[in-house]
Structures are given as C-alpha cells and as structure tokens.
C-alpha cells in the first residue's frame, strides 16, 4: 500500500514538473493562411502573428518548403503595417528556413512555393508548420481555388466560410505548438482548366459588370462580405503580395495585408479603392509584370 502511494505521488510530481517546465508562448495570436493557385501557379502562404507586450524584439525562425521564393515580412502595430522587406532564405541540413526579426508587436510573413508538376491536372501538397518558438493557440485557414474540383483537406471539423462567386475558406483551431514540433496539413484537388483564382475572379467580375448585375454590396447580405472584399481586392488591383487599405469598424489598416483572415473579411465592411492602370513591365528589372501584381515575380521588388 505504501509502495503504491509512493508511485502515485511520484507520478503526480513528475506530471506537475513537466507542466511547469513547459514554456508559455510570447505570442498572443498566430495564424497561417494557405492560398493554392491564387495569383501564381503554386501555393501562397501568409503567416500573421501578434507578440505579447514587452516580449519583443524576438527572433522567429520558420521552416518552409524547399523551393520557397519571394519571401517578405511586414512589421507594425494593430493599426498600421510597414513596407514589405525581402527575407533571405536559409539552407541548413537539407531544410529551408525563414529568419524573421520580430521587432514590433505585429508581423506578417508572405512567401510562395510551387509543389505542382506543370501540365498535370492533379494538385497535392503537404504544408508543415514548425518554428523555434512556442506557439499559442493558432489557426490554419485554407482558401479553396475557384477552379478546384474534388477539393479535399486534412483539417478536422473545420469551419467553412463562403462568399460570392464560390470563394470558400476552411478554418481550424489548434491548441498550440512546441518548438521544433510539426503540425501538418494536406490539400489535394484537380484543376482541369489550369485556371488561377485571380484570373477567374477577374473574368466573373467583368461578366457581372457587362450584364449590369447587382453588386454584392447592394444586397445587404452579411454573408456576401467575403466575396465583396475579395472583389474590392480585384478592383484596386491586388494579388498575393499587395498592399490594400480596408476600412474597418475600428481604424483603417494603412497598409494592411491583401490576404486577410476569413473572420476579418466576414466581419469587416466593404472596402474602398480606386482602379489603377499599372505598367506591363517591372521598373526595376524590366521583366514582365502580371496583371494585378504589386511585386515582381523575378526580382521581388515592389512596383
């Protein structure tokens, strides 16, 4: 009986010690947004985080898929974000990492990789979230490409948010993540037409305007906000790596990330902006400029 009691006591102490030894996260929020074939024929990733007051500056190192390109970081506060800065990708032990200096309370990281074989209809990839920091509760948010067929993902019990023109986001909550641990999400679908979401949205909007259709903003339907905001992104000429001013119920984000969370998009009122007529060539390297792009796909510099 005494031996059994000692065993139980030791188990309790060990359990308490392990809980006490776990570090608390220095972040108050951390979310990952996944955009397959939105503006580019690969996958766009947006990571947004907020650091607890007094816990910055920090050094965040994120593992990213090999072949990652055009990595940018923006830093700022809840009301304003700074200009995007290029991040040099580190290669170590056969893996790729993004070194991020978190010098302000809020940051947004954007990067792109292409896991797809050119010409194939089937799309499939796995994204692994892993960092050197203790992460708090976080979310994966996946945007389903408009042209996708047989779309599947590994999120469990994900919240589905749908807006105009078939724009759908899937969102799942996770309890946290320890340093060097990995949280994976897989996505698969087919894209027989090889069409990007941005191209399809532009076409749909042109058809609606030509037909004199009613704008979603005029319907008063709150479920249309998601599609409306994405259409506003098109109106002001935005893609993945773009700056957007979105008027919210608090203050305008100047500038804010073009790719917002599904919850922010649904909750925010309609955005405002002017139509722009950008040059067809990059002013820095002279390379071709994609319609609606704000960062060059070759040199990575902003237009």
C-alpha atoms as a PDB file:
ATOM      1  CA  UNK A   1       0.000   0.000   0.000  1.00  0.00           C
ATOM      2  CA  UNK A   2       2.844   2.337   0.929  1.00  0.00           C
ATOM      3  CA  UNK A   3       4.669   1.498  -2.305  1.00  0.00           C
ATOM      4  CA  UNK A   4       1.532   2.206  -4.344  1.00  0.00           C
ATOM      5  CA  UNK A   5       1.126   5.554  -2.611  1.00  0.00           C
ATOM      6  CA  UNK A   6       4.736   6.495  -3.376  1.00  0.00           C
ATOM      7  CA  UNK A   7       4.281   5.561  -7.017  1.00  0.00           C
ATOM      8  CA  UNK A   8       1.182   7.762  -7.263  1.00  0.00           C
ATOM      9  CA  UNK A   9       2.968  10.636  -5.513  1.00  0.00           C
ATOM     10  CA  UNK A  10       5.981  10.409  -7.827  1.00  0.00           C
ATOM     11  CA  UNK A  11       3.656  10.355 -10.854  1.00  0.00           C
ATOM     12  CA  UNK A  12       1.888  13.495  -9.668  1.00  0.00           C
ATOM     13  CA  UNK A  13       5.181  15.289  -9.035  1.00  0.00           C
ATOM     14  CA  UNK A  14       6.557  14.300 -12.411  1.00  0.00           C
ATOM     15  CA  UNK A  15       3.396  15.457 -14.132  1.00  0.00           C
ATOM     16  CA  UNK A  16       3.496  18.768 -12.275  1.00  0.00           C
ATOM     17  CA  UNK A  17       7.141  19.213 -13.125  1.00  0.00           C
ATOM     18  CA  UNK A  18       6.557  18.605 -16.821  1.00  0.00           C
ATOM     19  CA  UNK A  19       3.701  21.107 -16.904  1.00  0.00           C
ATOM     20  CA  UNK A  20       5.764  23.657 -15.030  1.00  0.00           C
ATOM     21  CA  UNK A  21       8.657  23.097 -17.397  1.00  0.00           C
ATOM     22  CA  UNK A  22       6.590  23.939 -20.457  1.00  0.00           C
ATOM     23  CA  UNK A  23       7.259  27.454 -21.664  1.00  0.00           C
ATOM     24  CA  UNK A  24       4.445  29.880 -22.217  1.00  0.00           C
ATOM     25  CA  UNK A  25       4.160  31.462 -25.633  1.00  0.00           C
ATOM     26  CA  UNK A  26       5.260  35.055 -26.165  1.00  0.00           C
ATOM     27  CA  UNK A  27       2.637  35.380 -28.910  1.00  0.00           C
ATOM     28  CA  UNK A  28      -0.996  36.268 -28.377  1.00  0.00           C
ATOM     29  CA  UNK A  29      -2.056  35.047 -31.827  1.00  0.00           C
ATOM     30  CA  UNK A  30      -0.507  33.117 -34.704  1.00  0.00           C
ATOM     31  CA  UNK A  31      -2.336  32.142 -37.875  1.00  0.00           C
ATOM     32  CA  UNK A  32      -1.393  30.521 -41.180  1.00  0.00           C
ATOM     33  CA  UNK A  33      -3.323  31.211 -44.390  1.00  0.00           C
ATOM     34  CA  UNK A  34      -2.876  28.924 -47.388  1.00  0.00           C
ATOM     35  CA  UNK A  35      -3.782  30.101 -50.912  1.00  0.00           C
ATOM     36  CA  UNK A  36      -3.306  27.407 -53.585  1.00  0.00           C
ATOM     37  CA  UNK A  37      -3.162  28.804 -57.129  1.00  0.00           C
ATOM     38  CA  UNK A  38      -4.458  32.245 -56.225  1.00  0.00           C
ATOM     39  CA  UNK A  39      -2.186  34.553 -58.220  1.00  0.00           C
ATOM     40  CA  UNK A  40       0.652  32.164 -59.094  1.00  0.00           C
ATOM     41  CA  UNK A  41       0.568  28.511 -60.260  1.00  0.00           C
ATOM     42  CA  UNK A  42       1.887  27.366 -56.881  1.00  0.00           C
ATOM     43  CA  UNK A  43       0.903  27.960 -53.245  1.00  0.00           C
ATOM     44  CA  UNK A  44       0.933  31.287 -51.427  1.00  0.00           C
ATOM     45  CA  UNK A  45       1.439  31.246 -47.653  1.00  0.00           C
ATOM     46  CA  UNK A  46       0.636  34.135 -45.320  1.00  0.00           C
ATOM     47  CA  UNK A  47       1.583  33.962 -41.643  1.00  0.00           C
ATOM     48  CA  UNK A  48       0.305  36.631 -39.274  1.00  0.00           C
ATOM     49  CA  UNK A  49       1.267  36.922 -35.629  1.00  0.00           C
ATOM     50  CA  UNK A  50       0.977  39.268 -32.665  1.00  0.00           C
ATOM     51  CA  UNK A  51       3.564  39.375 -29.881  1.00  0.00           C
ATOM     52  CA  UNK A  52       2.651  39.983 -26.265  1.00  0.00           C
ATOM     53  CA  UNK A  53       3.521  43.440 -24.957  1.00  0.00           C
ATOM     54  CA  UNK A  54       7.081  43.578 -23.646  1.00  0.00           C
ATOM     55  CA  UNK A  55       8.076  40.288 -25.362  1.00  0.00           C
ATOM     56  CA  UNK A  56       9.708  41.800 -28.466  1.00  0.00           C
ATOM     57  CA  UNK A  57      12.089  42.079 -30.206  1.00  0.00           C
ATOM     58  CA  UNK A  58      12.273  38.344 -30.888  1.00  0.00           C
ATOM     59  CA  UNK A  59      13.929  36.049 -33.402  1.00  0.00           C
ATOM     60  CA  UNK A  60      11.463  33.738 -35.114  1.00  0.00           C
ATOM     61  CA  UNK A  61      12.763  31.024 -37.411  1.00  0.00           C
ATOM     62  CA  UNK A  62      10.170  29.211 -39.515  1.00  0.00           C
ATOM     63  CA  UNK A  63      10.804  26.087 -41.526  1.00  0.00           C
ATOM     64  CA  UNK A  64       9.455  26.451 -45.058  1.00  0.00           C
ATOM     65  CA  UNK A  65       9.156  24.095 -48.035  1.00  0.00           C
ATOM     66  CA  UNK A  66      12.236  23.757 -50.191  1.00  0.00           C
ATOM     67  CA  UNK A  67      11.920  25.869 -53.292  1.00  0.00           C
ATOM     68  CA  UNK A  68      10.284  28.721 -51.382  1.00  0.00           C
ATOM     69  CA  UNK A  69      10.669  32.062 -53.167  1.00  0.00           C
ATOM     70  CA  UNK A  70       9.669  35.709 -52.833  1.00  0.00           C
ATOM     71  CA  UNK A  71       9.648  35.723 -49.023  1.00  0.00           C
ATOM     72  CA  UNK A  72       8.599  39.053 -47.495  1.00  0.00           C
ATOM     73  CA  UNK A  73       7.918  40.368 -43.996  1.00  0.00           C
ATOM     74  CA  UNK A  74       5.942  43.366 -42.789  1.00  0.00           C
ATOM     75  CA  UNK A  75       6.014  44.672 -39.232  1.00  0.00           C
ATOM     76  CA  UNK A  76       3.825  47.140 -37.394  1.00  0.00           C
ATOM     77  CA  UNK A  77       1.001  47.645 -34.965  1.00  0.00           C
ATOM     78  CA  UNK A  78      -2.669  46.712 -34.954  1.00  0.00           C
ATOM     79  CA  UNK A  79      -3.450  49.920 -36.850  1.00  0.00           C
ATOM     80  CA  UNK A  80      -0.631  50.163 -39.392  1.00  0.00           C
ATOM     81  CA  UNK A  81       1.865  47.911 -41.125  1.00  0.00           C
ATOM     82  CA  UNK A  82       5.204  48.918 -42.605  1.00  0.00           C
ATOM     83  CA  UNK A  83       6.525  48.239 -46.080  1.00  0.00           C
ATOM     84  CA  UNK A  84       7.442  44.700 -47.084  1.00  0.00           C
ATOM     85  CA  UNK A  85      11.061  43.621 -46.710  1.00  0.00           C
ATOM     86  CA  UNK A  86      12.688  40.733 -48.561  1.00  0.00           C
ATOM     87  CA  UNK A  87      13.822  37.810 -46.376  1.00  0.00           C
ATOM     88  CA  UNK A  88      16.877  35.758 -47.280  1.00  0.00           C
ATOM     89  CA  UNK A  89      16.070  32.049 -47.123  1.00  0.00           C
ATOM     90  CA  UNK A  90      18.481  29.971 -45.037  1.00  0.00           C
ATOM     91  CA  UNK A  91      19.511  26.458 -46.080  1.00  0.00           C
ATOM     92  CA  UNK A  92      20.613  24.121 -43.280  1.00  0.00           C
ATOM     93  CA  UNK A  93      20.785  20.328 -43.036  1.00  0.00           C
ATOM     94  CA  UNK A  94      18.809  19.929 -46.232  1.00  0.00           C
ATOM     95  CA  UNK A  95      15.980  22.167 -44.971  1.00  0.00           C
ATOM     96  CA  UNK A  96      14.894  25.748 -45.687  1.00  0.00           C
ATOM     97  CA  UNK A  97      14.180  28.390 -43.034  1.00  0.00           C
ATOM     98  CA  UNK A  98      12.993  31.981 -42.870  1.00  0.00           C
ATOM     99  CA  UNK A  99      14.840  34.112 -40.268  1.00  0.00           C
ATOM    100  CA  UNK A 100      12.420  36.773 -39.033  1.00  0.00           C
ATOM    101  CA  UNK A 101      13.310  39.648 -36.738  1.00  0.00           C
ATOM    102  CA  UNK A 102      10.110  40.456 -34.867  1.00  0.00           C
ATOM    103  CA  UNK A 103      10.880  43.991 -33.727  1.00  0.00           C
ATOM    104  CA  UNK A 104       7.273  45.242 -33.459  1.00  0.00           C
ATOM    105  CA  UNK A 105       4.119  43.797 -31.908  1.00  0.00           C
ATOM    106  CA  UNK A 106       2.553  42.636 -35.176  1.00  0.00           C
ATOM    107  CA  UNK A 107       4.097  40.943 -38.195  1.00  0.00           C
ATOM    108  CA  UNK A 108       3.000  39.367 -41.476  1.00  0.00           C
ATOM    109  CA  UNK A 109       5.146  36.948 -43.461  1.00  0.00           C
ATOM    110  CA  UNK A 110       4.343  36.046 -47.070  1.00  0.00           C
ATOM    111  CA  UNK A 111       6.048  33.516 -49.281  1.00  0.00           C
ATOM    112  CA  UNK A 112       5.418  31.284 -52.251  1.00  0.00           C
ATOM    113  CA  UNK A 113       6.384  27.767 -53.317  1.00  0.00           C
ATOM    114  CA  UNK A 114       5.326  25.567 -56.213  1.00  0.00           C
ATOM    115  CA  UNK A 115       4.906  21.830 -55.486  1.00  0.00           C
ATOM    116  CA  UNK A 116       2.936  21.126 -58.667  1.00  0.00           C
ATOM    117  CA  UNK A 117       4.077  19.481 -61.874  1.00  0.00           C
ATOM    118  CA  UNK A 118       3.497  21.652 -64.923  1.00  0.00           C
ATOM    119  CA  UNK A 119       0.681  20.404 -67.120  1.00  0.00           C
ATOM    120  CA  UNK A 120      -0.776  17.946 -64.593  1.00  0.00           C
ATOM    121  CA  UNK A 121      -4.396  18.369 -63.538  1.00  0.00           C
ATOM    122  CA  UNK A 122      -3.938  16.759 -60.112  1.00  0.00           C
ATOM    123  CA  UNK A 123      -2.766  19.030 -57.306  1.00  0.00           C
ATOM    124  CA  UNK A 124      -1.486  17.687 -53.996  1.00  0.00           C
ATOM    125  CA  UNK A 125       0.815  19.089 -51.301  1.00  0.00           C
ATOM    126  CA  UNK A 126       1.558  18.976 -47.588  1.00  0.00           C
ATOM    127  CA  UNK A 127       2.406  22.091 -45.611  1.00  0.00           C
ATOM    128  CA  UNK A 128       4.337  21.668 -42.329  1.00  0.00           C
ATOM    129  CA  UNK A 129       4.232  24.381 -39.673  1.00  0.00           C
ATOM    130  CA  UNK A 130       7.337  24.308 -37.479  1.00  0.00           C
ATOM    131  CA  UNK A 131       9.213  27.100 -35.683  1.00  0.00           C
ATOM    132  CA  UNK A 132      11.810  27.678 -32.978  1.00  0.00           C
ATOM    133  CA  UNK A 133       9.237  29.342 -30.716  1.00  0.00           C
ATOM    134  CA  UNK A 134       6.385  28.199 -28.503  1.00  0.00           C
ATOM    135  CA  UNK A 135       3.205  28.978 -30.413  1.00  0.00           C
ATOM    136  CA  UNK A 136      -0.112  29.809 -28.732  1.00  0.00           C
ATOM    137  CA  UNK A 137      -3.496  28.721 -29.996  1.00  0.00           C
ATOM    138  CA  UNK A 138      -3.375  29.141 -33.747  1.00  0.00           C
ATOM    139  CA  UNK A 139      -5.387  28.544 -36.911  1.00  0.00           C
ATOM    140  CA  UNK A 140      -4.914  27.093 -40.348  1.00  0.00           C
ATOM    141  CA  UNK A 141      -7.072  28.840 -42.950  1.00  0.00           C
ATOM    142  CA  UNK A 142      -7.214  27.364 -46.468  1.00  0.00           C
ATOM    143  CA  UNK A 143      -8.783  29.149 -49.426  1.00  0.00           C
ATOM    144  CA  UNK A 144     -10.258  26.752 -51.968  1.00  0.00           C
ATOM    145  CA  UNK A 145      -9.331  27.684 -55.551  1.00  0.00           C
ATOM    146  CA  UNK A 146     -12.389  28.620 -57.571  1.00  0.00           C
ATOM    147  CA  UNK A 147     -11.426  26.223 -60.372  1.00  0.00           C
ATOM    148  CA  UNK A 148     -10.757  23.317 -57.983  1.00  0.00           C
ATOM    149  CA  UNK A 149     -12.637  20.048 -58.384  1.00  0.00           C
ATOM    150  CA  UNK A 150     -12.780  17.242 -55.778  1.00  0.00           C
ATOM    151  CA  UNK A 151     -11.161  19.558 -53.229  1.00  0.00           C
ATOM    152  CA  UNK A 152     -10.018  17.785 -50.045  1.00  0.00           C
ATOM    153  CA  UNK A 153      -8.045  18.832 -46.970  1.00  0.00           C
ATOM    154  CA  UNK A 154      -6.893  17.214 -43.732  1.00  0.00           C
ATOM    155  CA  UNK A 155      -8.470  19.771 -41.383  1.00  0.00           C
ATOM    156  CA  UNK A 156     -10.841  18.168 -38.894  1.00  0.00           C
ATOM    157  CA  UNK A 157     -14.150  19.816 -38.086  1.00  0.00           C
ATOM    158  CA  UNK A 158     -13.104  22.930 -39.969  1.00  0.00           C
ATOM    159  CA  UNK A 159     -15.326  25.978 -40.046  1.00  0.00           C
ATOM    160  CA  UNK A 160     -16.421  26.786 -43.593  1.00  0.00           C
ATOM    161  CA  UNK A 161     -16.893  30.402 -44.682  1.00  0.00           C
ATOM    162  CA  UNK A 162     -18.390  31.021 -48.094  1.00  0.00           C
ATOM    163  CA  UNK A 163     -18.964  34.252 -50.012  1.00  0.00           C
ATOM    164  CA  UNK A 164     -19.831  35.403 -53.517  1.00  0.00           C
ATOM    165  CA  UNK A 165     -18.603  33.618 -56.661  1.00  0.00           C
ATOM    166  CA  UNK A 166     -17.712  30.417 -54.826  1.00  0.00           C
ATOM    167  CA  UNK A 167     -14.954  31.891 -52.625  1.00  0.00           C
ATOM    168  CA  UNK A 168     -14.605  29.414 -49.748  1.00  0.00           C
ATOM    169  CA  UNK A 169     -12.307  29.364 -46.717  1.00  0.00           C
ATOM    170  CA  UNK A 170     -11.781  26.439 -44.324  1.00  0.00           C
ATOM    171  CA  UNK A 171     -10.575  27.299 -40.818  1.00  0.00           C
ATOM    172  CA  UNK A 172      -9.448  25.038 -37.970  1.00  0.00           C
ATOM    173  CA  UNK A 173      -8.284  25.885 -34.469  1.00  0.00           C
ATOM    174  CA  UNK A 174      -5.230  24.196 -32.912  1.00  0.00           C
ATOM    175  CA  UNK A 175      -4.282  24.334 -29.193  1.00  0.00           C
ATOM    176  CA  UNK A 176      -0.633  25.358 -29.701  1.00  0.00           C
ATOM    177  CA  UNK A 177       2.735  24.041 -30.837  1.00  0.00           C
ATOM    178  CA  UNK A 178       6.052  23.443 -29.107  1.00  0.00           C
ATOM    179  CA  UNK A 179       9.425  24.456 -30.619  1.00  0.00           C
ATOM    180  CA  UNK A 180      10.579  22.190 -33.488  1.00  0.00           C
ATOM    181  CA  UNK A 181       7.286  20.256 -33.359  1.00  0.00           C
ATOM    182  CA  UNK A 182       5.408  19.920 -36.653  1.00  0.00           C
ATOM    183  CA  UNK A 183       1.749  20.480 -37.452  1.00  0.00           C
ATOM    184  CA  UNK A 184       0.960  19.317 -40.971  1.00  0.00           C
ATOM    185  CA  UNK A 185      -1.971  19.989 -43.267  1.00  0.00           C
ATOM    186  CA  UNK A 186      -2.526  18.303 -46.617  1.00  0.00           C
ATOM    187  CA  UNK A 187      -4.513  19.564 -49.596  1.00  0.00           C
ATOM    188  CA  UNK A 188      -5.482  17.809 -52.804  1.00  0.00           C
ATOM    189  CA  UNK A 189      -7.739  18.643 -55.744  1.00  0.00           C
ATOM    190  CA  UNK A 190      -7.781  18.771 -59.522  1.00  0.00           C
ATOM    191  CA  UNK A 191      -7.645  21.827 -61.757  1.00  0.00           C
ATOM    192  CA  UNK A 192      -8.529  20.648 -65.284  1.00  0.00           C
ATOM    193  CA  UNK A 193      -8.586  24.185 -66.715  1.00  0.00           C
ATOM    194  CA  UNK A 194      -5.269  25.209 -65.086  1.00  0.00           C
ATOM    195  CA  UNK A 195      -7.026  28.455 -64.104  1.00  0.00           C
ATOM    196  CA  UNK A 196      -5.830  30.714 -61.270  1.00  0.00           C
ATOM    197  CA  UNK A 197      -8.389  32.061 -58.804  1.00  0.00           C
ATOM    198  CA  UNK A 198      -7.455  35.687 -59.519  1.00  0.00           C
ATOM    199  CA  UNK A 199      -7.952  35.186 -63.264  1.00  0.00           C
ATOM    200  CA  UNK A 200     -11.341  33.527 -62.716  1.00  0.00           C
ATOM    201  CA  UNK A 201     -12.447  36.299 -60.359  1.00  0.00           C
ATOM    202  CA  UNK A 202     -11.478  38.956 -62.871  1.00  0.00           C
ATOM    203  CA  UNK A 203     -13.487  37.155 -65.547  1.00  0.00           C
ATOM    204  CA  UNK A 204     -16.522  36.774 -63.288  1.00  0.00           C
ATOM    205  CA  UNK A 205     -16.446  40.413 -62.318  1.00  0.00           C
ATOM    206  CA  UNK A 206     -16.160  41.514 -65.945  1.00  0.00           C
ATOM    207  CA  UNK A 207     -19.161  39.340 -66.832  1.00  0.00           C
ATOM    208  CA  UNK A 208     -21.178  40.783 -63.967  1.00  0.00           C
ATOM    209  CA  UNK A 209     -20.369  44.343 -64.990  1.00  0.00           C
ATOM    210  CA  UNK A 210     -21.155  43.618 -68.639  1.00  0.00           C
ATOM    211  CA  UNK A 211     -24.519  42.157 -67.643  1.00  0.00           C
ATOM    212  CA  UNK A 212     -25.267  45.104 -65.373  1.00  0.00           C
ATOM    213  CA  UNK A 213     -25.554  42.797 -62.392  1.00  0.00           C
ATOM    214  CA  UNK A 214     -26.189  43.987 -58.857  1.00  0.00           C
ATOM    215  CA  UNK A 215     -23.091  44.405 -56.750  1.00  0.00           C
ATOM    216  CA  UNK A 216     -22.951  42.217 -53.617  1.00  0.00           C
ATOM    217  CA  UNK A 217     -22.522  45.460 -51.644  1.00  0.00           C
ATOM    218  CA  UNK A 218     -26.076  46.395 -52.583  1.00  0.00           C
ATOM    219  CA  UNK A 219     -27.667  43.203 -51.334  1.00  0.00           C
ATOM    220  CA  UNK A 220     -27.219  43.911 -47.644  1.00  0.00           C
ATOM    221  CA  UNK A 221     -26.500  40.218 -47.116  1.00  0.00           C
ATOM    222  CA  UNK A 222     -23.740  39.885 -44.471  1.00  0.00           C
ATOM    223  CA  UNK A 223     -22.699  36.509 -45.882  1.00  0.00           C
ATOM    224  CA  UNK A 224     -21.658  38.282 -49.087  1.00  0.00           C
ATOM    225  CA  UNK A 225     -18.948  40.305 -47.333  1.00  0.00           C
ATOM    226  CA  UNK A 226     -16.237  37.750 -48.054  1.00  0.00           C
ATOM    227  CA  UNK A 227     -16.828  37.819 -51.801  1.00  0.00           C
ATOM    228  CA  UNK A 228     -17.279  41.591 -51.751  1.00  0.00           C
ATOM    229  CA  UNK A 229     -13.943  42.253 -50.088  1.00  0.00           C
ATOM    230  CA  UNK A 230     -12.154  39.922 -52.499  1.00  0.00           C
ATOM    231  CA  UNK A 231     -13.779  41.750 -55.394  1.00  0.00           C
ATOM    232  CA  UNK A 232     -12.550  45.005 -53.897  1.00  0.00           C
ATOM    233  CA  UNK A 233      -9.074  43.477 -53.943  1.00  0.00           C
ATOM    234  CA  UNK A 234      -9.512  42.986 -57.678  1.00  0.00           C
ATOM    235  CA  UNK A 235     -10.829  46.493 -58.217  1.00  0.00           C
ATOM    236  CA  UNK A 236      -7.751  48.069 -56.675  1.00  0.00           C
ATOM    237  CA  UNK A 237      -5.531  45.578 -58.490  1.00  0.00           C
ATOM    238  CA  UNK A 238      -4.218  43.283 -55.795  1.00  0.00           C
ATOM    239  CA  UNK A 239      -2.771  39.803 -55.673  1.00  0.00           C
ATOM    240  CA  UNK A 240      -0.917  37.901 -53.006  1.00  0.00           C
ATOM    241  CA  UNK A 241       1.913  40.355 -52.397  1.00  0.00           C
ATOM    242  CA  UNK A 242      -0.102  43.546 -52.404  1.00  0.00           C
ATOM    243  CA  UNK A 243      -0.976  46.492 -50.185  1.00  0.00           C
ATOM    244  CA  UNK A 244      -4.615  47.276 -49.504  1.00  0.00           C
ATOM    245  CA  UNK A 245      -6.465  49.872 -47.444  1.00  0.00           C
ATOM    246  CA  UNK A 246      -9.533  48.270 -45.901  1.00  0.00           C
ATOM    247  CA  UNK A 247     -11.842  50.498 -43.868  1.00  0.00           C
ATOM    248  CA  UNK A 248     -12.798  48.572 -40.743  1.00  0.00           C
ATOM    249  CA  UNK A 249     -15.061  49.270 -37.773  1.00  0.00           C
ATOM    250  CA  UNK A 250     -12.078  50.473 -35.728  1.00  0.00           C
ATOM    251  CA  UNK A 251      -9.438  52.245 -37.836  1.00  0.00           C
ATOM    252  CA  UNK A 252      -8.158  51.847 -41.361  1.00  0.00           C
ATOM    253  CA  UNK A 253      -5.239  49.458 -41.760  1.00  0.00           C
ATOM    254  CA  UNK A 254      -2.738  51.534 -43.734  1.00  0.00           C
ATOM    255  CA  UNK A 255      -1.467  49.438 -45.300  1.00  0.00           C
ATOM    256  CA  UNK A 256      -2.920  46.025 -44.451  1.00  0.00           C
ATOM    257  CA  UNK A 257      -2.292  42.603 -45.897  1.00  0.00           C
ATOM    258  CA  UNK A 258      -4.318  41.903 -49.017  1.00  0.00           C
ATOM    259  CA  UNK A 259      -4.981  38.365 -47.878  1.00  0.00           C
ATOM    260  CA  UNK A 260      -6.942  38.750 -44.651  1.00  0.00           C
ATOM    261  CA  UNK A 261      -8.272  36.127 -42.303  1.00  0.00           C
ATOM    262  CA  UNK A 262     -11.665  34.698 -43.133  1.00  0.00           C
ATOM    263  CA  UNK A 263     -13.075  36.045 -39.856  1.00  0.00           C
ATOM    264  CA  UNK A 264     -11.807  39.579 -40.553  1.00  0.00           C
ATOM    265  CA  UNK A 265     -13.188  39.531 -44.071  1.00  0.00           C
ATOM    266  CA  UNK A 266     -16.645  38.435 -42.959  1.00  0.00           C
ATOM    267  CA  UNK A 267     -16.742  40.972 -40.131  1.00  0.00           C
ATOM    268  CA  UNK A 268     -15.379  43.997 -41.997  1.00  0.00           C
ATOM    269  CA  UNK A 269     -17.488  46.419 -44.041  1.00  0.00           C
ATOM    270  CA  UNK A 270     -16.959  46.985 -47.722  1.00  0.00           C
ATOM    271  CA  UNK A 271     -13.526  48.262 -48.748  1.00  0.00           C
ATOM    272  CA  UNK A 272     -12.867  51.323 -50.846  1.00  0.00           C
ATOM    273  CA  UNK A 273     -10.320  51.946 -53.549  1.00  0.00           C
ATOM    274  CA  UNK A 274      -9.593  53.312 -56.996  1.00  0.00           C
ATOM    275  CA  UNK A 275      -8.877  51.432 -60.184  1.00  0.00           C
ATOM    276  CA  UNK A 276      -5.229  51.586 -61.224  1.00  0.00           C
ATOM    277  CA  UNK A 277      -3.594  51.095 -64.607  1.00  0.00           C
ATOM    278  CA  UNK A 278      -0.149  49.596 -63.896  1.00  0.00           C
ATOM    279  CA  UNK A 279       2.711  49.268 -66.363  1.00  0.00           C
ATOM    280  CA  UNK A 280       3.196  45.909 -68.083  1.00  0.00           C
ATOM    281  CA  UNK A 281       6.884  45.759 -67.079  1.00  0.00           C
ATOM    282  CA  UNK A 282       8.834  45.852 -63.815  1.00  0.00           C
ATOM    283  CA  UNK A 283      10.535  49.265 -63.382  1.00  0.00           C
ATOM    284  CA  UNK A 284      13.471  47.609 -61.581  1.00  0.00           C
ATOM    285  CA  UNK A 285      14.474  44.622 -63.728  1.00  0.00           C
ATOM    286  CA  UNK A 286      12.327  45.124 -66.833  1.00  0.00           C
ATOM    287  CA  UNK A 287      10.692  41.722 -66.506  1.00  0.00           C
ATOM    288  CA  UNK A 288       7.048  41.106 -67.450  1.00  0.00           C
ATOM    289  CA  UNK A 289       4.507  42.168 -64.859  1.00  0.00           C
ATOM    290  CA  UNK A 290       1.465  40.028 -64.128  1.00  0.00           C
ATOM    291  CA  UNK A 291      -1.915  41.726 -64.102  1.00  0.00           C
ATOM    292  CA  UNK A 292      -2.806  42.846 -60.550  1.00  0.00           C
ATOM    293  CA  UNK A 293       0.649  42.029 -59.127  1.00  0.00           C
ATOM    294  CA  UNK A 294       2.400  44.549 -56.874  1.00  0.00           C
ATOM    295  CA  UNK A 295       5.688  42.675 -56.506  1.00  0.00           C
ATOM    296  CA  UNK A 296       7.838  41.422 -59.341  1.00  0.00           C
ATOM    297  CA  UNK A 297       7.896  37.637 -59.724  1.00  0.00           C
ATOM    298  CA  UNK A 298      11.537  37.807 -60.902  1.00  0.00           C
ATOM    299  CA  UNK A 299      13.345  40.345 -58.688  1.00  0.00           C
ATOM    300  CA  UNK A 300      10.793  40.501 -55.837  1.00  0.00           C
ATOM    301  CA  UNK A 301      10.801  44.321 -55.661  1.00  0.00           C
ATOM    302  CA  UNK A 302       7.584  46.293 -55.270  1.00  0.00           C
ATOM    303  CA  UNK A 303       6.137  48.341 -58.123  1.00  0.00           C
END
